[in-house]
Amino acid sequence: MPASLHQAIEDQLEAPYEFAVPSTTPAVEGAPTLRLEITDLLANAGGMYGGPKIVQLHGTLERPGKPVAQFTAQREMFIYFGLPRSTCSMVGQVTYALGTDIAKWLSRPIDGARLGDRP
């Protein structure tokens, strides 16, 4: 799931966050850093018959010379009409939606934001 989330965010990034790297290297020293923590994951086997698929995240954006901005995010899926109807495909859909939420947040990061379908 971490690789899927990384790809979902990277697919939708726009300037100034057009490039994503998995870890800090000397070539990107001083660049903004987004740290993501998967805080909860519910993905029972059985596809749509295995119950809801829920992913919760906490993100922290560190930018040189600016205050740290954080967010929490959650997406869930109960019914899935696509094929295949597997748990993996459902979690993939949830992950891609979270990637969309995060990419939008990066364009205007607001500290304490709640992303996704989180109340």
PDB file of N, CA and C in Angstrom:
ATOM      1  N   MET A   1       0.782  -1.197   0.000  1.00  0.00           N
ATOM      2  CA  MET A   1       0.000   0.000   0.000  1.00  0.00           C
ATOM      3  C   MET A   1       0.828   1.269   0.000  1.00  0.00           C
ATOM      4  N   PRO A   2       1.940   1.354   0.708  1.00  0.00           N
ATOM      5  CA  PRO A   2       2.741   2.581   0.635  1.00  0.00           C
ATOM      6  C   PRO A   2       3.188   2.925  -0.791  1.00  0.00           C
ATOM      7  N   ALA A   3       3.577   1.922  -1.571  1.00  0.00           N
ATOM      8  CA  ALA A   3       3.991   2.185  -2.950  1.00  0.00           C
ATOM      9  C   ALA A   3       2.816   2.684  -3.784  1.00  0.00           C
ATOM     10  N   SER A   4       1.645   2.110  -3.574  1.00  0.00           N
ATOM     11  CA  SER A   4       0.446   2.532  -4.292  1.00  0.00           C
ATOM     12  C   SER A   4       0.079   3.977  -3.945  1.00  0.00           C
ATOM     13  N   LEU A   5       0.181   4.331  -2.676  1.00  0.00           N
ATOM     14  CA  LEU A   5      -0.114   5.698  -2.241  1.00  0.00           C
ATOM     15  C   LEU A   5       0.893   6.679  -2.823  1.00  0.00           C
ATOM     16  N   HIS A   6       2.175   6.322  -2.797  1.00  0.00           N
ATOM     17  CA  HIS A   6       3.212   7.171  -3.383  1.00  0.00           C
ATOM     18  C   HIS A   6       2.919   7.424  -4.857  1.00  0.00           C
ATOM     19  N   GLN A   7       2.571   6.377  -5.587  1.00  0.00           N
ATOM     20  CA  GLN A   7       2.277   6.516  -7.013  1.00  0.00           C
ATOM     21  C   GLN A   7       1.035   7.374  -7.246  1.00  0.00           C
ATOM     22  N   ALA A   8       0.008   7.193  -6.426  1.00  0.00           N
ATOM     23  CA  ALA A   8      -1.229   7.962  -6.575  1.00  0.00           C
ATOM     24  C   ALA A   8      -0.972   9.452  -6.384  1.00  0.00           C
ATOM     25  N   ILE A   9      -0.142   9.797  -5.415  1.00  0.00           N
ATOM     26  CA  ILE A   9       0.177  11.207  -5.181  1.00  0.00           C
ATOM     27  C   ILE A   9       1.041  11.732  -6.316  1.00  0.00           C
ATOM     28  N   GLU A  10       2.088  10.996  -6.668  1.00  0.00           N
ATOM     29  CA  GLU A  10       3.007  11.447  -7.714  1.00  0.00           C
ATOM     30  C   GLU A  10       2.295  11.657  -9.048  1.00  0.00           C
ATOM     31  N   ASP A  11       1.316  10.815  -9.368  1.00  0.00           N
ATOM     32  CA  ASP A  11       0.567  10.944 -10.625  1.00  0.00           C
ATOM     33  C   ASP A  11      -0.151  12.287 -10.733  1.00  0.00           C
ATOM     34  N   GLN A  12      -0.473  12.893  -9.599  1.00  0.00           N
ATOM     35  CA  GLN A  12      -1.322  14.079  -9.607  1.00  0.00           C
ATOM     36  C   GLN A  12      -0.628  15.355  -9.126  1.00  0.00           C
ATOM     37  N   LEU A  13       0.675  15.282  -8.883  1.00  0.00           N
ATOM     38  CA  LEU A  13       1.383  16.452  -8.389  1.00  0.00           C
ATOM     39  C   LEU A  13       1.535  17.524  -9.460  1.00  0.00           C
ATOM     40  N   GLU A  14       1.481  18.756  -9.012  1.00  0.00           N
ATOM     41  CA  GLU A  14       1.723  19.902  -9.874  1.00  0.00           C
ATOM     42  C   GLU A  14       2.785  20.759  -9.207  1.00  0.00           C
ATOM     43  N   ALA A  15       3.312  21.748  -9.950  1.00  0.00           N
ATOM     44  CA  ALA A  15       4.339  22.639  -9.406  1.00  0.00           C
ATOM     45  C   ALA A  15       3.841  23.247  -8.112  1.00  0.00           C
ATOM     46  N   PRO A  16       4.641  23.455  -7.103  1.00  0.00           N
ATOM     47  CA  PRO A  16       6.086  23.213  -7.065  1.00  0.00           C
ATOM     48  C   PRO A  16       6.453  21.814  -6.601  1.00  0.00           C
ATOM     49  N   TYR A  17       5.516  20.898  -6.558  1.00  0.00           N
ATOM     50  CA  TYR A  17       5.775  19.540  -6.059  1.00  0.00           C
ATOM     51  C   TYR A  17       5.706  18.523  -7.191  1.00  0.00           C
ATOM     52  N   GLU A  18       6.341  18.835  -8.310  1.00  0.00           N
ATOM     53  CA  GLU A  18       6.198  17.973  -9.482  1.00  0.00           C
ATOM     54  C   GLU A  18       6.934  16.642  -9.368  1.00  0.00           C
ATOM     55  N   PHE A  19       7.881  16.561  -8.477  1.00  0.00           N
ATOM     56  CA  PHE A  19       8.681  15.350  -8.380  1.00  0.00           C
ATOM     57  C   PHE A  19       8.607  14.805  -6.964  1.00  0.00           C
ATOM     58  N   ALA A  20       8.483  13.521  -6.847  1.00  0.00           N
ATOM     59  CA  ALA A  20       8.437  12.883  -5.537  1.00  0.00           C
ATOM     60  C   ALA A  20       9.568  11.861  -5.466  1.00  0.00           C
ATOM     61  N   VAL A  21      10.270  11.866  -4.354  1.00  0.00           N
ATOM     62  CA  VAL A  21      11.329  10.883  -4.135  1.00  0.00           C
ATOM     63  C   VAL A  21      11.029  10.159  -2.831  1.00  0.00           C
ATOM     64  N   PRO A  22      11.359   8.876  -2.737  1.00  0.00           N
ATOM     65  CA  PRO A  22      11.005   8.115  -1.541  1.00  0.00           C
ATOM     66  C   PRO A  22      11.781   8.524  -0.294  1.00  0.00           C
ATOM     67  N   SER A  23      12.970   9.096  -0.446  1.00  0.00           N
ATOM     68  CA  SER A  23      13.740   9.520   0.725  1.00  0.00           C
ATOM     69  C   SER A  23      14.648  10.686   0.347  1.00  0.00           C
ATOM     70  N   THR A  24      15.098  11.400   1.357  1.00  0.00           N
ATOM     71  CA  THR A  24      15.941  12.564   1.130  1.00  0.00           C
ATOM     72  C   THR A  24      17.310  12.135   0.616  1.00  0.00           C
ATOM     73  N   THR A  25      17.789  12.847  -0.380  1.00  0.00           N
ATOM     74  CA  THR A  25      19.128  12.632  -0.923  1.00  0.00           C
ATOM     75  C   THR A  25      19.803  13.994  -1.017  1.00  0.00           C
ATOM     76  N   PRO A  26      21.123  14.043  -1.139  1.00  0.00           N
ATOM     77  CA  PRO A  26      21.794  15.348  -1.254  1.00  0.00           C
ATOM     78  C   PRO A  26      21.281  16.188  -2.420  1.00  0.00           C
ATOM     79  N   ALA A  27      20.800  15.546  -3.481  1.00  0.00           N
ATOM     80  CA  ALA A  27      20.313  16.283  -4.656  1.00  0.00           C
ATOM     81  C   ALA A  27      19.051  17.089  -4.352  1.00  0.00           C
ATOM     82  N   VAL A  28      18.291  16.705  -3.337  1.00  0.00           N
ATOM     83  CA  VAL A  28      17.042  17.412  -3.015  1.00  0.00           C
ATOM     84  C   VAL A  28      17.089  18.032  -1.620  1.00  0.00           C
ATOM     85  N   GLU A  29      18.289  18.208  -1.082  1.00  0.00           N
ATOM     86  CA  GLU A  29      18.447  18.810   0.243  1.00  0.00           C
ATOM     87  C   GLU A  29      17.768  20.173   0.285  1.00  0.00           C
ATOM     88  N   GLY A  30      16.967  20.426   1.309  1.00  0.00           N
ATOM     89  CA  GLY A  30      16.271  21.709   1.457  1.00  0.00           C
ATOM     90  C   GLY A  30      14.938  21.787   0.737  1.00  0.00           C
ATOM     91  N   ALA A  31      14.560  20.740   0.030  1.00  0.00           N
ATOM     92  CA  ALA A  31      13.260  20.727  -0.662  1.00  0.00           C
ATOM     93  C   ALA A  31      12.156  20.448   0.359  1.00  0.00           C
ATOM     94  N   PRO A  32      10.917  20.835   0.054  1.00  0.00           N
ATOM     95  CA  PRO A  32       9.808  20.482   0.951  1.00  0.00           C
ATOM     96  C   PRO A  32       9.736  18.971   1.135  1.00  0.00           C
ATOM     97  N   THR A  33       9.399  18.553   2.348  1.00  0.00           N
ATOM     98  CA  THR A  33       9.322  17.136   2.673  1.00  0.00           C
ATOM     99  C   THR A  33       7.925  16.800   3.182  1.00  0.00           C
ATOM    100  N   LEU A  34       7.295  15.830   2.560  1.00  0.00           N
ATOM    101  CA  LEU A  34       6.000  15.340   3.005  1.00  0.00           C
ATOM    102  C   LEU A  34       6.200  13.969   3.614  1.00  0.00           C
ATOM    103  N   ARG A  35       5.839  13.836   4.887  1.00  0.00           N
ATOM    104  CA  ARG A  35       5.940  12.559   5.577  1.00  0.00           C
ATOM    105  C   ARG A  35       4.524  12.029   5.782  1.00  0.00           C
ATOM    106  N   LEU A  36       4.312  10.778   5.404  1.00  0.00           N
ATOM    107  CA  LEU A  36       3.005  10.145   5.540  1.00  0.00           C
ATOM    108  C   LEU A  36       3.103   8.955   6.478  1.00  0.00           C
ATOM    109  N   GLU A  37       2.128   8.859   7.358  1.00  0.00           N
ATOM    110  CA  GLU A  37       2.040   7.730   8.279  1.00  0.00           C
ATOM    111  C   GLU A  37       0.660   7.106   8.111  1.00  0.00           C
ATOM    112  N   ILE A  38       0.630   5.817   7.846  1.00  0.00           N
ATOM    113  CA  ILE A  38      -0.634   5.094   7.791  1.00  0.00           C
ATOM    114  C   ILE A  38      -1.023   4.817   9.236  1.00  0.00           C
ATOM    115  N   THR A  39      -2.071   5.474   9.705  1.00  0.00           N
ATOM    116  CA  THR A  39      -2.460   5.349  11.112  1.00  0.00           C
ATOM    117  C   THR A  39      -3.471   4.235  11.349  1.00  0.00           C
ATOM    118  N   ASP A  40      -4.211   3.858  10.308  1.00  0.00           N
ATOM    119  CA  ASP A  40      -5.148   2.748  10.450  1.00  0.00           C
ATOM    120  C   ASP A  40      -5.483   2.208   9.067  1.00  0.00           C
ATOM    121  N   LEU A  41      -5.673   0.912   9.008  1.00  0.00           N
ATOM    122  CA  LEU A  41      -5.998   0.244   7.757  1.00  0.00           C
ATOM    123  C   LEU A  41      -6.917  -0.923   8.074  1.00  0.00           C
ATOM    124  N   LEU A  42      -8.074  -0.932   7.441  1.00  0.00           N
ATOM    125  CA  LEU A  42      -9.013  -2.038   7.573  1.00  0.00           C
ATOM    126  C   LEU A  42      -9.275  -2.568   6.179  1.00  0.00           C
ATOM    127  N   ALA A  43      -8.855  -3.797   5.934  1.00  0.00           N
ATOM    128  CA  ALA A  43      -9.024  -4.372   4.604  1.00  0.00           C
ATOM    129  C   ALA A  43      -9.159  -5.887   4.726  1.00  0.00           C
ATOM    130  N   ASN A  44     -10.262  -6.314   5.285  1.00  0.00           N
ATOM    131  CA  ASN A  44     -10.513  -7.750   5.418  1.00  0.00           C
ATOM    132  C   ASN A  44     -10.618  -8.389   4.044  1.00  0.00           C
ATOM    133  N   ALA A  45     -10.202  -9.634   3.968  1.00  0.00           N
ATOM    134  CA  ALA A  45     -10.299 -10.389   2.721  1.00  0.00           C
ATOM    135  C   ALA A  45     -11.762 -10.571   2.335  1.00  0.00           C
ATOM    136  N   GLY A  46     -11.993 -10.855   1.078  1.00  0.00           N
ATOM    137  CA  GLY A  46     -13.349 -11.132   0.616  1.00  0.00           C
ATOM    138  C   GLY A  46     -13.928 -10.052  -0.272  1.00  0.00           C
ATOM    139  N   GLY A  47     -13.095  -9.089  -0.668  1.00  0.00           N
ATOM    140  CA  GLY A  47     -13.592  -8.033  -1.540  1.00  0.00           C
ATOM    141  C   GLY A  47     -14.755  -7.304  -0.910  1.00  0.00           C
ATOM    142  N   MET A  48     -15.785  -7.032  -1.712  1.00  0.00           N
ATOM    143  CA  MET A  48     -16.912  -6.270  -1.175  1.00  0.00           C
ATOM    144  C   MET A  48     -17.731  -7.078  -0.174  1.00  0.00           C
ATOM    145  N   TYR A  49     -17.519  -8.389  -0.142  1.00  0.00           N
ATOM    146  CA  TYR A  49     -18.220  -9.215   0.840  1.00  0.00           C
ATOM    147  C   TYR A  49     -17.472  -9.273   2.174  1.00  0.00           C
ATOM    148  N   GLY A  50     -16.256  -8.737   2.212  1.00  0.00           N
ATOM    149  CA  GLY A  50     -15.432  -8.763   3.415  1.00  0.00           C
ATOM    150  C   GLY A  50     -15.589  -7.527   4.282  1.00  0.00           C
ATOM    151  N   GLY A  51     -16.560  -6.689   3.963  1.00  0.00           N
ATOM    152  CA  GLY A  51     -16.778  -5.493   4.761  1.00  0.00           C
ATOM    153  C   GLY A  51     -16.072  -4.283   4.176  1.00  0.00           C
ATOM    154  N   PRO A  52     -16.141  -3.156   4.878  1.00  0.00           N
ATOM    155  CA  PRO A  52     -15.573  -1.917   4.363  1.00  0.00           C
ATOM    156  C   PRO A  52     -14.051  -1.971   4.299  1.00  0.00           C
ATOM    157  N   LYS A  53     -13.505  -1.170   3.395  1.00  0.00           N
ATOM    158  CA  LYS A  53     -12.062  -0.985   3.285  1.00  0.00           C
ATOM    159  C   LYS A  53     -11.806   0.461   3.697  1.00  0.00           C
ATOM    160  N   ILE A  54     -10.998   0.659   4.740  1.00  0.00           N
ATOM    161  CA  ILE A  54     -10.768   1.988   5.302  1.00  0.00           C
ATOM    162  C   ILE A  54      -9.270   2.222   5.429  1.00  0.00           C
ATOM    163  N   VAL A  55      -8.825   3.409   4.996  1.00  0.00           N
ATOM    164  CA  VAL A  55      -7.434   3.813   5.148  1.00  0.00           C
ATOM    165  C   VAL A  55      -7.417   5.180   5.815  1.00  0.00           C
ATOM    166  N   GLN A  56      -6.633   5.300   6.891  1.00  0.00           N
ATOM    167  CA  GLN A  56      -6.454   6.574   7.578  1.00  0.00           C
ATOM    168  C   GLN A  56      -4.976   6.941   7.540  1.00  0.00           C
ATOM    169  N   LEU A  57      -4.715   8.233   7.340  1.00  0.00           N
ATOM    170  CA  LEU A  57      -3.343   8.740   7.236  1.00  0.00           C
ATOM    171  C   LEU A  57      -3.147   9.970   8.095  1.00  0.00           C
ATOM    172  N   HIS A  58      -1.905  10.229   8.434  1.00  0.00           N
ATOM    173  CA  HIS A  58      -1.488  11.496   9.028  1.00  0.00           C
ATOM    174  C   HIS A  58      -0.323  11.981   8.184  1.00  0.00           C
ATOM    175  N   GLY A  59      -0.373  13.228   7.753  1.00  0.00           N
ATOM    176  CA  GLY A  59       0.688  13.789   6.927  1.00  0.00           C
ATOM    177  C   GLY A  59       1.279  15.036   7.545  1.00  0.00           C
ATOM    178  N   THR A  60       2.572  15.226   7.331  1.00  0.00           N
ATOM    179  CA  THR A  60       3.290  16.395   7.818  1.00  0.00           C
ATOM    180  C   THR A  60       4.117  16.951   6.670  1.00  0.00           C
ATOM    181  N   LEU A  61       3.926  18.238   6.374  1.00  0.00           N
ATOM    182  CA  LEU A  61       4.682  18.925   5.332  1.00  0.00           C
ATOM    183  C   LEU A  61       5.663  19.876   5.986  1.00  0.00           C
ATOM    184  N   GLU A  62       6.943  19.654   5.726  1.00  0.00           N
ATOM    185  CA  GLU A  62       8.000  20.521   6.234  1.00  0.00           C
ATOM    186  C   GLU A  62       8.580  21.290   5.056  1.00  0.00           C
ATOM    187  N   ARG A  63       8.583  22.628   5.180  1.00  0.00           N
ATOM    188  CA  ARG A  63       9.108  23.504   4.132  1.00  0.00           C
ATOM    189  C   ARG A  63      10.101  24.467   4.761  1.00  0.00           C
ATOM    190  N   PRO A  64      11.264  24.637   4.154  1.00  0.00           N
ATOM    191  CA  PRO A  64      12.246  25.560   4.710  1.00  0.00           C
ATOM    192  C   PRO A  64      11.666  26.969   4.859  1.00  0.00           C
ATOM    193  N   GLY A  65      11.814  27.544   6.063  1.00  0.00           N
ATOM    194  CA  GLY A  65      11.369  28.910   6.307  1.00  0.00           C
ATOM    195  C   GLY A  65       9.883  29.081   6.536  1.00  0.00           C
ATOM    196  N   LYS A  66       9.130  27.993   6.578  1.00  0.00           N
ATOM    197  CA  LYS A  66       7.684  28.071   6.792  1.00  0.00           C
ATOM    198  C   LYS A  66       7.296  27.128   7.924  1.00  0.00           C
ATOM    199  N   PRO A  67       6.185  27.431   8.600  1.00  0.00           N
ATOM    200  CA  PRO A  67       5.765  26.518   9.678  1.00  0.00           C
ATOM    201  C   PRO A  67       5.335  25.161   9.121  1.00  0.00           C
ATOM    202  N   VAL A  68       5.461  24.161   9.942  1.00  0.00           N
ATOM    203  CA  VAL A  68       5.037  22.804   9.579  1.00  0.00           C
ATOM    204  C   VAL A  68       3.517  22.785   9.419  1.00  0.00           C
ATOM    205  N   ALA A  69       3.038  22.098   8.397  1.00  0.00           N
ATOM    206  CA  ALA A  69       1.595  21.934   8.178  1.00  0.00           C
ATOM    207  C   ALA A  69       1.283  20.441   8.242  1.00  0.00           C
ATOM    208  N   GLN A  70       0.188  20.108   8.934  1.00  0.00           N
ATOM    209  CA  GLN A  70      -0.192  18.715   9.093  1.00  0.00           C
ATOM    210  C   GLN A  70      -1.638  18.499   8.658  1.00  0.00           C
ATOM    211  N   PHE A  71      -1.966  17.270   8.323  1.00  0.00           N
ATOM    212  CA  PHE A  71      -3.338  16.910   7.995  1.00  0.00           C
ATOM    213  C   PHE A  71      -3.614  15.492   8.461  1.00  0.00           C
ATOM    214  N   THR A  72      -4.885  15.183   8.581  1.00  0.00           N
ATOM    215  CA  THR A  72      -5.334  13.804   8.749  1.00  0.00           C
ATOM    216  C   THR A  72      -6.257  13.511   7.572  1.00  0.00           C
ATOM    217  N   ALA A  73      -6.285  12.277   7.161  1.00  0.00           N
ATOM    218  CA  ALA A  73      -7.099  11.906   6.006  1.00  0.00           C
ATOM    219  C   ALA A  73      -7.709  10.525   6.221  1.00  0.00           C
ATOM    220  N   GLN A  74      -8.872  10.351   5.665  1.00  0.00           N
ATOM    221  CA  GLN A  74      -9.524   9.040   5.706  1.00  0.00           C
ATOM    222  C   GLN A  74     -10.388   8.881   4.476  1.00  0.00           C
ATOM    223  N   ARG A  75     -10.341   7.708   3.911  1.00  0.00           N
ATOM    224  CA  ARG A  75     -11.250   7.314   2.837  1.00  0.00           C
ATOM    225  C   ARG A  75     -11.715   5.901   3.139  1.00  0.00           C
ATOM    226  N   GLU A  76     -12.941   5.620   2.724  1.00  0.00           N
ATOM    227  CA  GLU A  76     -13.464   4.268   2.904  1.00  0.00           C
ATOM    228  C   GLU A  76     -14.344   3.896   1.727  1.00  0.00           C
ATOM    229  N   MET A  77     -14.511   2.598   1.558  1.00  0.00           N
ATOM    230  CA  MET A  77     -15.340   2.078   0.476  1.00  0.00           C
ATOM    231  C   MET A  77     -16.103   0.872   1.004  1.00  0.00           C
ATOM    232  N   PHE A  78     -17.397   0.855   0.734  1.00  0.00           N
ATOM    233  CA  PHE A  78     -18.238  -0.266   1.160  1.00  0.00           C
ATOM    234  C   PHE A  78     -18.661  -1.118  -0.031  1.00  0.00           C
ATOM    235  N   ILE A  79     -19.027  -0.466  -1.112  1.00  0.00           N
ATOM    236  CA  ILE A  79     -19.526  -1.169  -2.288  1.00  0.00           C
ATOM    237  C   ILE A  79     -18.639  -0.804  -3.468  1.00  0.00           C
ATOM    238  N   TYR A  80     -18.289  -1.792  -4.259  1.00  0.00           N
ATOM    239  CA  TYR A  80     -17.418  -1.577  -5.411  1.00  0.00           C
ATOM    240  C   TYR A  80     -18.013  -2.306  -6.603  1.00  0.00           C
ATOM    241  N   PHE A  81     -18.276  -1.566  -7.667  1.00  0.00           N
ATOM    242  CA  PHE A  81     -18.904  -2.161  -8.840  1.00  0.00           C
ATOM    243  C   PHE A  81     -17.930  -2.490  -9.958  1.00  0.00           C
ATOM    244  N   GLY A  82     -16.661  -2.079  -9.802  1.00  0.00           N
ATOM    245  CA  GLY A  82     -15.656  -2.372 -10.825  1.00  0.00           C
ATOM    246  C   GLY A  82     -15.215  -3.821 -10.785  1.00  0.00           C
ATOM    247  N   LEU A  83     -14.379  -4.178 -11.731  1.00  0.00           N
ATOM    248  CA  LEU A  83     -13.808  -5.526 -11.772  1.00  0.00           C
ATOM    249  C   LEU A  83     -12.303  -5.397 -11.704  1.00  0.00           C
ATOM    250  N   PRO A  84     -11.605  -6.264 -11.056  1.00  0.00           N
ATOM    251  CA  PRO A  84     -12.114  -7.314 -10.200  1.00  0.00           C
ATOM    252  C   PRO A  84     -12.623  -6.741  -8.887  1.00  0.00           C
ATOM    253  N   ARG A  85     -13.467  -7.471  -8.218  1.00  0.00           N
ATOM    254  CA  ARG A  85     -14.059  -7.025  -6.951  1.00  0.00           C
ATOM    255  C   ARG A  85     -13.274  -7.567  -5.762  1.00  0.00           C
ATOM    256  N   SER A  86     -11.984  -7.427  -5.839  1.00  0.00           N
ATOM    257  CA  SER A  86     -11.119  -7.962  -4.793  1.00  0.00           C
ATOM    258  C   SER A  86     -10.819  -6.900  -3.740  1.00  0.00           C
ATOM    259  N   THR A  87     -10.323  -7.358  -2.613  1.00  0.00           N
ATOM    260  CA  THR A  87      -9.913  -6.441  -1.556  1.00  0.00           C
ATOM    261  C   THR A  87      -8.808  -5.527  -2.071  1.00  0.00           C
ATOM    262  N   CYS A  88      -7.855  -6.074  -2.796  1.00  0.00           N
ATOM    263  CA  CYS A  88      -6.741  -5.259  -3.317  1.00  0.00           C
ATOM    264  C   CYS A  88      -7.230  -4.161  -4.253  1.00  0.00           C
ATOM    265  N   SER A  89      -8.170  -4.469  -5.131  1.00  0.00           N
ATOM    266  CA  SER A  89      -8.659  -3.443  -6.050  1.00  0.00           C
ATOM    267  C   SER A  89      -9.445  -2.365  -5.302  1.00  0.00           C
ATOM    268  N   MET A  90     -10.161  -2.765  -4.268  1.00  0.00           N
ATOM    269  CA  MET A  90     -10.906  -1.776  -3.478  1.00  0.00           C
ATOM    270  C   MET A  90      -9.946  -0.869  -2.705  1.00  0.00           C
ATOM    271  N   VAL A  91      -8.919  -1.446  -2.090  1.00  0.00           N
ATOM    272  CA  VAL A  91      -7.932  -0.627  -1.375  1.00  0.00           C
ATOM    273  C   VAL A  91      -7.193   0.268  -2.367  1.00  0.00           C
ATOM    274  N   GLY A  92      -6.956  -0.216  -3.575  1.00  0.00           N
ATOM    275  CA  GLY A  92      -6.335   0.610  -4.612  1.00  0.00           C
ATOM    276  C   GLY A  92      -7.174   1.839  -4.945  1.00  0.00           C
ATOM    277  N   GLN A  93      -8.482   1.658  -5.038  1.00  0.00           N
ATOM    278  CA  GLN A  93      -9.382   2.785  -5.302  1.00  0.00           C
ATOM    279  C   GLN A  93      -9.359   3.791  -4.149  1.00  0.00           C
ATOM    280  N   VAL A  94      -9.379   3.297  -2.935  1.00  0.00           N
ATOM    281  CA  VAL A  94      -9.330   4.159  -1.756  1.00  0.00           C
ATOM    282  C   VAL A  94      -8.011   4.924  -1.730  1.00  0.00           C
ATOM    283  N   THR A  95      -6.911   4.221  -1.999  1.00  0.00           N
ATOM    284  CA  THR A  95      -5.587   4.838  -1.992  1.00  0.00           C
ATOM    285  C   THR A  95      -5.488   5.926  -3.053  1.00  0.00           C
ATOM    286  N   TYR A  96      -6.002   5.662  -4.256  1.00  0.00           N
ATOM    287  CA  TYR A  96      -5.923   6.663  -5.317  1.00  0.00           C
ATOM    288  C   TYR A  96      -6.735   7.909  -4.948  1.00  0.00           C
ATOM    289  N   ALA A  97      -7.878   7.718  -4.321  1.00  0.00           N
ATOM    290  CA  ALA A  97      -8.685   8.869  -3.878  1.00  0.00           C
ATOM    291  C   ALA A  97      -7.919   9.680  -2.831  1.00  0.00           C
ATOM    292  N   LEU A  98      -7.223   9.006  -1.915  1.00  0.00           N
ATOM    293  CA  LEU A  98      -6.406   9.721  -0.928  1.00  0.00           C
ATOM    294  C   LEU A  98      -5.279  10.489  -1.613  1.00  0.00           C
ATOM    295  N   GLY A  99      -4.680   9.887  -2.628  1.00  0.00           N
ATOM    296  CA  GLY A  99      -3.639  10.585  -3.388  1.00  0.00           C
ATOM    297  C   GLY A  99      -4.158  11.866  -4.017  1.00  0.00           C
ATOM    298  N   THR A 100      -5.382  11.828  -4.528  1.00  0.00           N
ATOM    299  CA  THR A 100      -6.019  13.025  -5.086  1.00  0.00           C
ATOM    300  C   THR A 100      -6.208  14.081  -4.011  1.00  0.00           C
ATOM    301  N   ASP A 101      -6.690  13.669  -2.842  1.00  0.00           N
ATOM    302  CA  ASP A 101      -6.897  14.600  -1.727  1.00  0.00           C
ATOM    303  C   ASP A 101      -5.586  15.270  -1.321  1.00  0.00           C
ATOM    304  N   ILE A 102      -4.527  14.476  -1.216  1.00  0.00           N
ATOM    305  CA  ILE A 102      -3.236  14.999  -0.774  1.00  0.00           C
ATOM    306  C   ILE A 102      -2.646  15.941  -1.814  1.00  0.00           C
ATOM    307  N   ALA A 103      -2.739  15.585  -3.087  1.00  0.00           N
ATOM    308  CA  ALA A 103      -2.219  16.453  -4.146  1.00  0.00           C
ATOM    309  C   ALA A 103      -2.931  17.809  -4.131  1.00  0.00           C
ATOM    310  N   LYS A 104      -4.240  17.823  -3.913  1.00  0.00           N
ATOM    311  CA  LYS A 104      -4.982  19.088  -3.819  1.00  0.00           C
ATOM    312  C   LYS A 104      -4.542  19.878  -2.596  1.00  0.00           C
ATOM    313  N   TRP A 105      -4.358  19.201  -1.477  1.00  0.00           N
ATOM    314  CA  TRP A 105      -3.930  19.872  -0.249  1.00  0.00           C
ATOM    315  C   TRP A 105      -2.560  20.514  -0.433  1.00  0.00           C
ATOM    316  N   LEU A 106      -1.670  19.843  -1.149  1.00  0.00           N
ATOM    317  CA  LEU A 106      -0.334  20.388  -1.367  1.00  0.00           C
ATOM    318  C   LEU A 106      -0.362  21.707  -2.131  1.00  0.00           C
ATOM    319  N   SER A 107      -1.390  21.937  -2.945  1.00  0.00           N
ATOM    320  CA  SER A 107      -1.476  23.204  -3.676  1.00  0.00           C
ATOM    321  C   SER A 107      -1.807  24.365  -2.743  1.00  0.00           C
ATOM    322  N   ARG A 108      -2.479  24.101  -1.618  1.00  0.00           N
ATOM    323  CA  ARG A 108      -2.779  25.093  -0.581  1.00  0.00           C
ATOM    324  C   ARG A 108      -2.785  24.407   0.771  1.00  0.00           C
ATOM    325  N   PRO A 109      -1.604  24.118   1.322  1.00  0.00           N
ATOM    326  CA  PRO A 109      -1.551  23.382   2.581  1.00  0.00           C
ATOM    327  C   PRO A 109      -2.063  24.210   3.756  1.00  0.00           C
ATOM    328  N   ILE A 110      -3.065  23.701   4.426  1.00  0.00           N
ATOM    329  CA  ILE A 110      -3.647  24.346   5.603  1.00  0.00           C
ATOM    330  C   ILE A 110      -3.390  23.419   6.786  1.00  0.00           C
ATOM    331  N   ASP A 111      -2.743  23.966   7.818  1.00  0.00           N
ATOM    332  CA  ASP A 111      -2.426  23.164   8.984  1.00  0.00           C
ATOM    333  C   ASP A 111      -3.710  22.690   9.666  1.00  0.00           C
ATOM    334  N   GLY A 112      -3.733  21.422  10.038  1.00  0.00           N
ATOM    335  CA  GLY A 112      -4.885  20.843  10.735  1.00  0.00           C
ATOM    336  C   GLY A 112      -6.013  20.413   9.832  1.00  0.00           C
ATOM    337  N   ALA A 113      -5.782  20.394   8.526  1.00  0.00           N
ATOM    338  CA  ALA A 113      -6.855  20.019   7.585  1.00  0.00           C
ATOM    339  C   ALA A 113      -7.269  18.566   7.777  1.00  0.00           C
ATOM    340  N   ARG A 114      -8.513  18.297   7.447  1.00  0.00           N
ATOM    341  CA  ARG A 114      -9.057  16.942   7.454  1.00  0.00           C
ATOM    342  C   ARG A 114      -9.443  16.632   6.014  1.00  0.00           C
ATOM    343  N   LEU A 115      -8.809  15.642   5.442  1.00  0.00           N
ATOM    344  CA  LEU A 115      -9.000  15.324   4.027  1.00  0.00           C
ATOM    345  C   LEU A 115      -9.833  14.061   3.856  1.00  0.00           C
ATOM    346  N   GLY A 116     -10.369  13.914   2.656  1.00  0.00           N
ATOM    347  CA  GLY A 116     -11.137  12.717   2.323  1.00  0.00           C
ATOM    348  C   GLY A 116     -12.550  12.793   2.824  1.00  0.00           C
ATOM    349  N   ASP A 117     -13.077  11.647   3.182  1.00  0.00           N
ATOM    350  CA  ASP A 117     -14.445  11.596   3.682  1.00  0.00           C
ATOM    351  C   ASP A 117     -14.460  11.553   5.205  1.00  0.00           C
ATOM    352  N   ARG A 118     -13.393  12.043   5.798  1.00  0.00           N
ATOM    353  CA  ARG A 118     -13.283  12.086   7.266  1.00  0.00           C
ATOM    354  C   ARG A 118     -14.148  13.214   7.808  1.00  0.00           C
ATOM    355  N   PRO A 119     -15.008  12.915   8.781  1.00  0.00           N
ATOM    356  CA  PRO A 119     -15.893  13.968   9.342  1.00  0.00           C
ATOM    357  C   PRO A 119     -15.126  15.003  10.145  1.00  0.00           C
TER     358      PRO A 119
END
